[in-house]
Amino acid sequence: TKTTYKLAGMTDKDGKQVANIEVATEVTMEAAEAEGD
């Protein structure tokens, strides 16, 4: 799983300025070597 974080500016949360970080993930599968049956 590769997760990419992106700073998307500051935003107000309960009267405080906090960093808004966008998140995107990409999943890949890699097969295991066959064992037995």
All heavy atoms as atom14 arrays in JSON, in Angstrom:
{
  "sequence": "TKTTYKLAGMTDKDGKQVANIEVATEVTMEAAEAEGD",
  "atom14_mask": [
    [1, 1, 1, 1, 1, 1, 1, 0, 0, 0, 0, 0, 0, 0],
    [1, 1, 1, 1, 1, 1, 1, 1, 1, 0, 0, 0, 0, 0],
    [1, 1, 1, 1, 1, 1, 1, 0, 0, 0, 0, 0, 0, 0],
    [1, 1, 1, 1, 1, 1, 1, 0, 0, 0, 0, 0, 0, 0],
    [1, 1, 1, 1, 1, 1, 1, 1, 1, 1, 1, 1, 0, 0],
    [1, 1, 1, 1, 1, 1, 1, 1, 1, 0, 0, 0, 0, 0],
    [1, 1, 1, 1, 1, 1, 1, 1, 0, 0, 0, 0, 0, 0],
    [1, 1, 1, 1, 1, 0, 0, 0, 0, 0, 0, 0, 0, 0],
    [1, 1, 1, 1, 0, 0, 0, 0, 0, 0, 0, 0, 0, 0],
    [1, 1, 1, 1, 1, 1, 1, 1, 0, 0, 0, 0, 0, 0],
    [1, 1, 1, 1, 1, 1, 1, 0, 0, 0, 0, 0, 0, 0],
    [1, 1, 1, 1, 1, 1, 1, 1, 0, 0, 0, 0, 0, 0],
    [1, 1, 1, 1, 1, 1, 1, 1, 1, 0, 0, 0, 0, 0],
    [1, 1, 1, 1, 1, 1, 1, 1, 0, 0, 0, 0, 0, 0],
    [1, 1, 1, 1, 0, 0, 0, 0, 0, 0, 0, 0, 0, 0],
    [1, 1, 1, 1, 1, 1, 1, 1, 1, 0, 0, 0, 0, 0],
    [1, 1, 1, 1, 1, 1, 1, 1, 1, 0, 0, 0, 0, 0],
    [1, 1, 1, 1, 1, 1, 1, 0, 0, 0, 0, 0, 0, 0],
    [1, 1, 1, 1, 1, 0, 0, 0, 0, 0, 0, 0, 0, 0],
    [1, 1, 1, 1, 1, 1, 1, 1, 0, 0, 0, 0, 0, 0],
    [1, 1, 1, 1, 1, 1, 1, 1, 0, 0, 0, 0, 0, 0],
    [1, 1, 1, 1, 1, 1, 1, 1, 1, 0, 0, 0, 0, 0],
    [1, 1, 1, 1, 1, 1, 1, 0, 0, 0, 0, 0, 0, 0],
    [1, 1, 1, 1, 1, 0, 0, 0, 0, 0, 0, 0, 0, 0],
    [1, 1, 1, 1, 1, 1, 1, 0, 0, 0, 0, 0, 0, 0],
    [1, 1, 1, 1, 1, 1, 1, 1, 1, 0, 0, 0, 0, 0],
    [1, 1, 1, 1, 1, 1, 1, 0, 0, 0, 0, 0, 0, 0],
    [1, 1, 1, 1, 1, 1, 1, 0, 0, 0, 0, 0, 0, 0],
    [1, 1, 1, 1, 1, 1, 1, 1, 0, 0, 0, 0, 0, 0],
    [1, 1, 1, 1, 1, 1, 1, 1, 1, 0, 0, 0, 0, 0],
    [1, 1, 1, 1, 1, 0, 0, 0, 0, 0, 0, 0, 0, 0],
    [1, 1, 1, 1, 1, 0, 0, 0, 0, 0, 0, 0, 0, 0],
    [1, 1, 1, 1, 1, 1, 1, 1, 1, 0, 0, 0, 0, 0],
    [1, 1, 1, 1, 1, 0, 0, 0, 0, 0, 0, 0, 0, 0],
    [1, 1, 1, 1, 1, 1, 1, 1, 1, 0, 0, 0, 0, 0],
    [1, 1, 1, 1, 0, 0, 0, 0, 0, 0, 0, 0, 0, 0],
    [1, 1, 1, 1, 1, 1, 1, 1, 0, 0, 0, 0, 0, 0]
  ],
  "atom14_positions": [
    [[0.84, -1.19, 0.0], [0.0, 0.0, 0.0], [0.88, 1.24, 0.0], [1.69, 1.44, 0.92], [-0.92, 0.03, 1.23], [-1.71, -1.16, 1.27], [-1.85, 1.24, 1.18], [0.0, 0.0, 0.0], [0.0, 0.0, 0.0], [0.0, 0.0, 0.0], [0.0, 0.0, 0.0], [0.0, 0.0, 0.0], [0.0, 0.0, 0.0], [0.0, 0.0, 0.0]],
    [[0.74, 2.05, -1.04], [1.47, 3.32, -1.11], [0.49, 4.45, -0.78], [-0.52, 4.63, -1.46], [2.07, 3.54, -2.49], [2.88, 4.85, -2.58], [3.55, 5.01, -3.93], [2.58, 5.44, -4.99], [3.25, 5.8, -6.26], [0.0, 0.0, 0.0], [0.0, 0.0, 0.0], [0.0, 0.0, 0.0], [0.0, 0.0, 0.0], [0.0, 0.0, 0.0]],
    [[0.78, 5.18, 0.27], [-0.07, 6.3, 0.68], [0.63, 7.61, 0.35], [1.79, 7.81, 0.73], [-0.37, 6.24, 2.19], [-0.95, 4.96, 2.51], [-1.36, 7.33, 2.58], [0.0, 0.0, 0.0], [0.0, 0.0, 0.0], [0.0, 0.0, 0.0], [0.0, 0.0, 0.0], [0.0, 0.0, 0.0], [0.0, 0.0, 0.0], [0.0, 0.0, 0.0]],
    [[-0.06, 8.46, -0.37], [0.49, 9.77, -0.75], [-0.23, 10.86, 0.03], [-1.47, 10.9, 0.05], [0.33, 10.03, -2.25], [0.99, 8.99, -2.99], [0.94, 11.37, -2.64], [0.0, 0.0, 0.0], [0.0, 0.0, 0.0], [0.0, 0.0, 0.0], [0.0, 0.0, 0.0], [0.0, 0.0, 0.0], [0.0, 0.0, 0.0], [0.0, 0.0, 0.0]],
    [[0.55, 11.71, 0.69], [0.0, 12.81, 1.48], [0.29, 14.13, 0.74], [1.39, 14.32, 0.22], [0.63, 12.85, 2.87], [0.44, 11.56, 3.65], [1.38, 10.53, 3.55], [-0.66, 11.39, 4.47], [1.21, 9.35, 4.27], [-0.83, 10.2, 5.19], [0.1, 9.19, 5.08], [-0.06, 8.02, 5.77], [0.0, 0.0, 0.0], [0.0, 0.0, 0.0]],
    [[-0.68, 15.02, 0.75], [-0.52, 16.31, 0.05], [-1.0, 17.44, 0.95], [-2.13, 17.41, 1.45], [-1.32, 16.31, -1.25], [-1.26, 17.63, -2.02], [-2.11, 17.56, -3.28], [-2.11, 18.87, -4.03], [-2.96, 18.81, -5.25], [0.0, 0.0, 0.0], [0.0, 0.0, 0.0], [0.0, 0.0, 0.0], [0.0, 0.0, 0.0], [0.0, 0.0, 0.0]],
    [[-0.13, 18.42, 1.18], [-0.52, 19.58, 1.98], [-1.44, 20.46, 1.15], [-1.05, 20.97, 0.09], [0.71, 20.36, 2.43], [0.44, 21.58, 3.31], [-0.28, 21.18, 4.6], [1.73, 22.32, 3.64], [0.0, 0.0, 0.0], [0.0, 0.0, 0.0], [0.0, 0.0, 0.0], [0.0, 0.0, 0.0], [0.0, 0.0, 0.0], [0.0, 0.0, 0.0]],
    [[-2.68, 20.62, 1.63], [-3.69, 21.4, 0.88], [-4.06, 22.67, 1.64], [-5.24, 23.03, 1.72], [-4.92, 20.53, 0.63], [0.0, 0.0, 0.0], [0.0, 0.0, 0.0], [0.0, 0.0, 0.0], [0.0, 0.0, 0.0], [0.0, 0.0, 0.0], [0.0, 0.0, 0.0], [0.0, 0.0, 0.0], [0.0, 0.0, 0.0], [0.0, 0.0, 0.0]],
    [[-3.06, 23.33, 2.19], [-3.3, 24.61, 2.84], [-3.76, 24.47, 4.27], [-3.79, 23.39, 4.86], [0.0, 0.0, 0.0], [0.0, 0.0, 0.0], [0.0, 0.0, 0.0], [0.0, 0.0, 0.0], [0.0, 0.0, 0.0], [0.0, 0.0, 0.0], [0.0, 0.0, 0.0], [0.0, 0.0, 0.0], [0.0, 0.0, 0.0], [0.0, 0.0, 0.0]],
    [[-4.12, 25.6, 4.85], [-4.6, 25.66, 6.23], [-6.12, 25.83, 6.22], [-6.69, 26.41, 5.3], [-3.94, 26.82, 6.98], [-2.42, 26.79, 6.96], [-1.72, 25.38, 7.87], [-2.03, 25.92, 9.56], [0.0, 0.0, 0.0], [0.0, 0.0, 0.0], [0.0, 0.0, 0.0], [0.0, 0.0, 0.0], [0.0, 0.0, 0.0], [0.0, 0.0, 0.0]],
    [[-6.75, 25.32, 7.27], [-8.19, 25.44, 7.39], [-8.55, 25.68, 8.84], [-7.77, 25.38, 9.75], [-8.91, 24.18, 6.86], [-10.32, 24.4, 6.84], [-8.62, 22.97, 7.74], [0.0, 0.0, 0.0], [0.0, 0.0, 0.0], [0.0, 0.0, 0.0], [0.0, 0.0, 0.0], [0.0, 0.0, 0.0], [0.0, 0.0, 0.0], [0.0, 0.0, 0.0]],
    [[-9.75, 26.24, 9.07], [-10.19, 26.53, 10.43], [-10.85, 25.31, 11.05], [-11.7, 24.67, 10.44], [-11.17, 27.71, 10.43], [-11.62, 28.06, 11.83], [-10.89, 28.79, 12.52], [-12.7, 27.58, 12.26], [0.0, 0.0, 0.0], [0.0, 0.0, 0.0], [0.0, 0.0, 0.0], [0.0, 0.0, 0.0], [0.0, 0.0, 0.0], [0.0, 0.0, 0.0]],
    [[-10.46, 24.98, 12.28], [-11.07, 23.89, 13.04], [-11.23, 24.37, 14.48], [-10.25, 24.54, 15.19], [-10.19, 22.63, 12.96], [-10.71, 21.46, 13.8], [-12.07, 20.96, 13.32], [-12.52, 19.77, 14.13], [-13.87, 19.29, 13.72], [0.0, 0.0, 0.0], [0.0, 0.0, 0.0], [0.0, 0.0, 0.0], [0.0, 0.0, 0.0], [0.0, 0.0, 0.0]],
    [[-12.49, 24.61, 14.85], [-12.8, 25.07, 16.21], [-12.02, 26.33, 16.58], [-11.47, 26.45, 17.69], [-12.51, 23.96, 17.24], [-13.36, 22.71, 16.99], [-14.49, 22.86, 16.49], [-12.89, 21.6, 17.3], [0.0, 0.0, 0.0], [0.0, 0.0, 0.0], [0.0, 0.0, 0.0], [0.0, 0.0, 0.0], [0.0, 0.0, 0.0], [0.0, 0.0, 0.0]],
    [[-11.92, 27.22, 15.61], [-11.26, 28.5, 15.86], [-9.75, 28.5, 15.75], [-9.11, 29.51, 16.01], [0.0, 0.0, 0.0], [0.0, 0.0, 0.0], [0.0, 0.0, 0.0], [0.0, 0.0, 0.0], [0.0, 0.0, 0.0], [0.0, 0.0, 0.0], [0.0, 0.0, 0.0], [0.0, 0.0, 0.0], [0.0, 0.0, 0.0], [0.0, 0.0, 0.0]],
    [[-9.17, 27.35, 15.35], [-7.71, 27.27, 15.2], [-7.36, 26.95, 13.76], [-8.1, 26.25, 13.07], [-7.14, 26.19, 16.12], [-7.32, 26.44, 17.6], [-6.65, 25.36, 18.42], [-5.15, 25.4, 18.29], [-4.47, 24.42, 19.16], [0.0, 0.0, 0.0], [0.0, 0.0, 0.0], [0.0, 0.0, 0.0], [0.0, 0.0, 0.0], [0.0, 0.0, 0.0]],
    [[-6.23, 27.47, 13.3], [-5.74, 27.16, 11.96], [-4.92, 25.87, 12.01], [-3.92, 25.77, 12.72], [-4.87, 28.31, 11.43], [-5.67, 29.55, 11.05], [-6.54, 29.28, 9.83], [-6.07, 28.95, 8.75], [-7.86, 29.41, 10.0], [0.0, 0.0, 0.0], [0.0, 0.0, 0.0], [0.0, 0.0, 0.0], [0.0, 0.0, 0.0], [0.0, 0.0, 0.0]],
    [[-5.38, 24.87, 11.26], [-4.69, 23.58, 11.22], [-4.37, 23.22, 9.78], [-5.0, 23.71, 8.84], [-5.56, 22.47, 11.87], [-5.79, 22.76, 13.33], [-6.89, 22.31, 11.14], [0.0, 0.0, 0.0], [0.0, 0.0, 0.0], [0.0, 0.0, 0.0], [0.0, 0.0, 0.0], [0.0, 0.0, 0.0], [0.0, 0.0, 0.0], [0.0, 0.0, 0.0]],
    [[-3.37, 22.36, 9.6], [-2.96, 21.93, 8.26], [-3.94, 20.89, 7.74], [-4.27, 19.93, 8.43], [-1.56, 21.35, 8.32], [0.0, 0.0, 0.0], [0.0, 0.0, 0.0], [0.0, 0.0, 0.0], [0.0, 0.0, 0.0], [0.0, 0.0, 0.0], [0.0, 0.0, 0.0], [0.0, 0.0, 0.0], [0.0, 0.0, 0.0], [0.0, 0.0, 0.0]],
    [[-4.41, 21.11, 6.51], [-5.32, 20.16, 5.85], [-4.48, 19.3, 4.91], [-3.91, 19.78, 3.94], [-6.39, 20.91, 5.06], [-7.36, 19.97, 4.38], [-7.58, 18.86, 4.86], [-7.94, 20.4, 3.29], [0.0, 0.0, 0.0], [0.0, 0.0, 0.0], [0.0, 0.0, 0.0], [0.0, 0.0, 0.0], [0.0, 0.0, 0.0], [0.0, 0.0, 0.0]],
    [[-4.39, 18.01, 5.22], [-3.55, 17.1, 4.46], [-4.43, 16.08, 3.74], [-5.16, 15.32, 4.38], [-2.55, 16.37, 5.38], [-1.66, 17.41, 6.09], [-1.7, 15.38, 4.6], [-0.81, 16.83, 7.2], [0.0, 0.0, 0.0], [0.0, 0.0, 0.0], [0.0, 0.0, 0.0], [0.0, 0.0, 0.0], [0.0, 0.0, 0.0], [0.0, 0.0, 0.0]],
    [[-4.39, 16.1, 2.4], [-5.18, 15.16, 1.61], [-4.44, 13.82, 1.52], [-3.21, 13.79, 1.45], [-5.43, 15.71, 0.21], [-6.28, 16.98, 0.22], [-6.47, 17.57, -1.17], [-5.78, 17.1, -2.11], [-7.29, 18.5, -1.31], [0.0, 0.0, 0.0], [0.0, 0.0, 0.0], [0.0, 0.0, 0.0], [0.0, 0.0, 0.0], [0.0, 0.0, 0.0]],
    [[-5.21, 12.73, 1.53], [-4.62, 11.39, 1.54], [-5.16, 10.58, 0.37], [-6.36, 10.55, 0.12], [-4.96, 10.66, 2.86], [-4.29, 9.29, 2.89], [-4.52, 11.49, 4.06], [0.0, 0.0, 0.0], [0.0, 0.0, 0.0], [0.0, 0.0, 0.0], [0.0, 0.0, 0.0], [0.0, 0.0, 0.0], [0.0, 0.0, 0.0], [0.0, 0.0, 0.0]],
    [[-4.26, 9.91, -0.34], [-4.65, 9.0, -1.43], [-3.82, 7.73, -1.31], [-2.62, 7.79, -1.0], [-4.42, 9.65, -2.79], [0.0, 0.0, 0.0], [0.0, 0.0, 0.0], [0.0, 0.0, 0.0], [0.0, 0.0, 0.0], [0.0, 0.0, 0.0], [0.0, 0.0, 0.0], [0.0, 0.0, 0.0], [0.0, 0.0, 0.0], [0.0, 0.0, 0.0]],
    [[-4.44, 6.58, -1.52], [-3.71, 5.31, -1.41], [-3.83, 4.5, -2.69], [-4.82, 4.59, -3.41], [-4.23, 4.45, -0.24], [-5.63, 4.17, -0.44], [-4.06, 5.16, 1.08], [0.0, 0.0, 0.0], [0.0, 0.0, 0.0], [0.0, 0.0, 0.0], [0.0, 0.0, 0.0], [0.0, 0.0, 0.0], [0.0, 0.0, 0.0], [0.0, 0.0, 0.0]],
    [[-2.8, 3.71, -2.95], [-2.78, 2.8, -4.11], [-2.29, 1.44, -3.63], [-1.25, 1.33, -2.99], [-1.85, 3.33, -5.2], [-1.81, 2.44, -6.43], [-0.86, 2.96, -7.49], [-0.2, 4.0, -7.24], [-0.76, 2.32, -8.55], [0.0, 0.0, 0.0], [0.0, 0.0, 0.0], [0.0, 0.0, 0.0], [0.0, 0.0, 0.0], [0.0, 0.0, 0.0]],
    [[-3.07, 0.4, -3.93], [-2.76, -0.95, -3.48], [-2.3, -1.79, -4.66], [-2.87, -1.72, -5.75], [-4.0, -1.61, -2.83], [-3.68, -3.04, -2.39], [-4.48, -0.79, -1.64], [0.0, 0.0, 0.0], [0.0, 0.0, 0.0], [0.0, 0.0, 0.0], [0.0, 0.0, 0.0], [0.0, 0.0, 0.0], [0.0, 0.0, 0.0], [0.0, 0.0, 0.0]],
    [[-1.25, -2.59, -4.44], [-0.8, -3.55, -5.45], [-0.61, -4.91, -4.77], [-0.31, -4.98, -3.57], [0.54, -3.11, -6.09], [1.53, -2.93, -5.07], [0.37, -1.83, -6.89], [0.0, 0.0, 0.0], [0.0, 0.0, 0.0], [0.0, 0.0, 0.0], [0.0, 0.0, 0.0], [0.0, 0.0, 0.0], [0.0, 0.0, 0.0], [0.0, 0.0, 0.0]],
    [[-0.79, -5.98, -5.55], [-0.65, -7.33, -5.04], [0.53, -8.01, -5.71], [0.78, -7.82, -6.9], [-1.92, -8.14, -5.3], [-3.17, -7.61, -4.62], [-3.15, -7.79, -2.83], [-3.12, -9.58, -2.68], [0.0, 0.0, 0.0], [0.0, 0.0, 0.0], [0.0, 0.0, 0.0], [0.0, 0.0, 0.0], [0.0, 0.0, 0.0], [0.0, 0.0, 0.0]],
    [[1.26, -8.79, -4.92], [2.36, -9.58, -5.47], [2.16, -11.03, -5.06], [2.04, -11.34, -3.87], [3.7, -9.06, -4.93], [4.89, -9.78, -5.53], [6.21, -9.16, -5.1], [6.24, -7.96, -4.82], [7.2, -9.92, -5.02], [0.0, 0.0, 0.0], [0.0, 0.0, 0.0], [0.0, 0.0, 0.0], [0.0, 0.0, 0.0], [0.0, 0.0, 0.0]],
    [[2.07, -11.92, -6.05], [1.78, -13.33, -5.78], [2.94, -13.99, -5.05], [4.1, -13.65, -5.25], [1.47, -14.06, -7.07], [0.0, 0.0, 0.0], [0.0, 0.0, 0.0], [0.0, 0.0, 0.0], [0.0, 0.0, 0.0], [0.0, 0.0, 0.0], [0.0, 0.0, 0.0], [0.0, 0.0, 0.0], [0.0, 0.0, 0.0], [0.0, 0.0, 0.0]],
    [[2.59, -14.97, -4.21], [3.61, -15.74, -3.5], [4.03, -16.92, -4.37], [3.3, -17.35, -5.27], [3.05, -16.25, -2.18], [0.0, 0.0, 0.0], [0.0, 0.0, 0.0], [0.0, 0.0, 0.0], [0.0, 0.0, 0.0], [0.0, 0.0, 0.0], [0.0, 0.0, 0.0], [0.0, 0.0, 0.0], [0.0, 0.0, 0.0], [0.0, 0.0, 0.0]],
    [[5.21, -17.42, -4.1], [5.65, -18.61, -4.81], [4.83, -19.81, -4.36], [4.59, -20.01, -3.16], [7.13, -18.87, -4.54], [8.06, -17.79, -5.11], [9.51, -18.12, -4.89], [9.78, -19.24, -4.4], [10.36, -17.27, -5.2], [0.0, 0.0, 0.0], [0.0, 0.0, 0.0], [0.0, 0.0, 0.0], [0.0, 0.0, 0.0], [0.0, 0.0, 0.0]],
    [[4.37, -20.61, -5.33], [3.52, -21.75, -5.01], [4.27, -22.76, -4.16], [5.43, -23.07, -4.42], [3.02, -22.41, -6.29], [0.0, 0.0, 0.0], [0.0, 0.0, 0.0], [0.0, 0.0, 0.0], [0.0, 0.0, 0.0], [0.0, 0.0, 0.0], [0.0, 0.0, 0.0], [0.0, 0.0, 0.0], [0.0, 0.0, 0.0], [0.0, 0.0, 0.0]],
    [[3.59, -23.24, -3.1], [4.17, -24.26, -2.23], [3.25, -25.47, -2.19], [2.09, -25.36, -1.81], [4.37, -23.7, -0.81], [5.37, -22.55, -0.74], [5.58, -22.08, 0.68], [5.03, -22.73, 1.59], [6.27, -21.07, 0.88], [0.0, 0.0, 0.0], [0.0, 0.0, 0.0], [0.0, 0.0, 0.0], [0.0, 0.0, 0.0], [0.0, 0.0, 0.0]],
    [[3.75, -26.61, -2.59], [2.93, -27.83, -2.56], [1.74, -27.71, -3.49], [1.87, -27.29, -4.64], [0.0, 0.0, 0.0], [0.0, 0.0, 0.0], [0.0, 0.0, 0.0], [0.0, 0.0, 0.0], [0.0, 0.0, 0.0], [0.0, 0.0, 0.0], [0.0, 0.0, 0.0], [0.0, 0.0, 0.0], [0.0, 0.0, 0.0], [0.0, 0.0, 0.0]],
    [[0.56, -28.08, -2.97], [-0.66, -28.05, -3.77], [-1.42, -26.74, -3.65], [-2.5, -26.59, -4.23], [-1.59, -29.2, -3.35], [-0.96, -30.57, -3.6], [-0.15, -30.66, -4.56], [-1.26, -31.51, -2.85], [0.0, 0.0, 0.0], [0.0, 0.0, 0.0], [0.0, 0.0, 0.0], [0.0, 0.0, 0.0], [0.0, 0.0, 0.0], [0.0, 0.0, 0.0]]
  ]
}
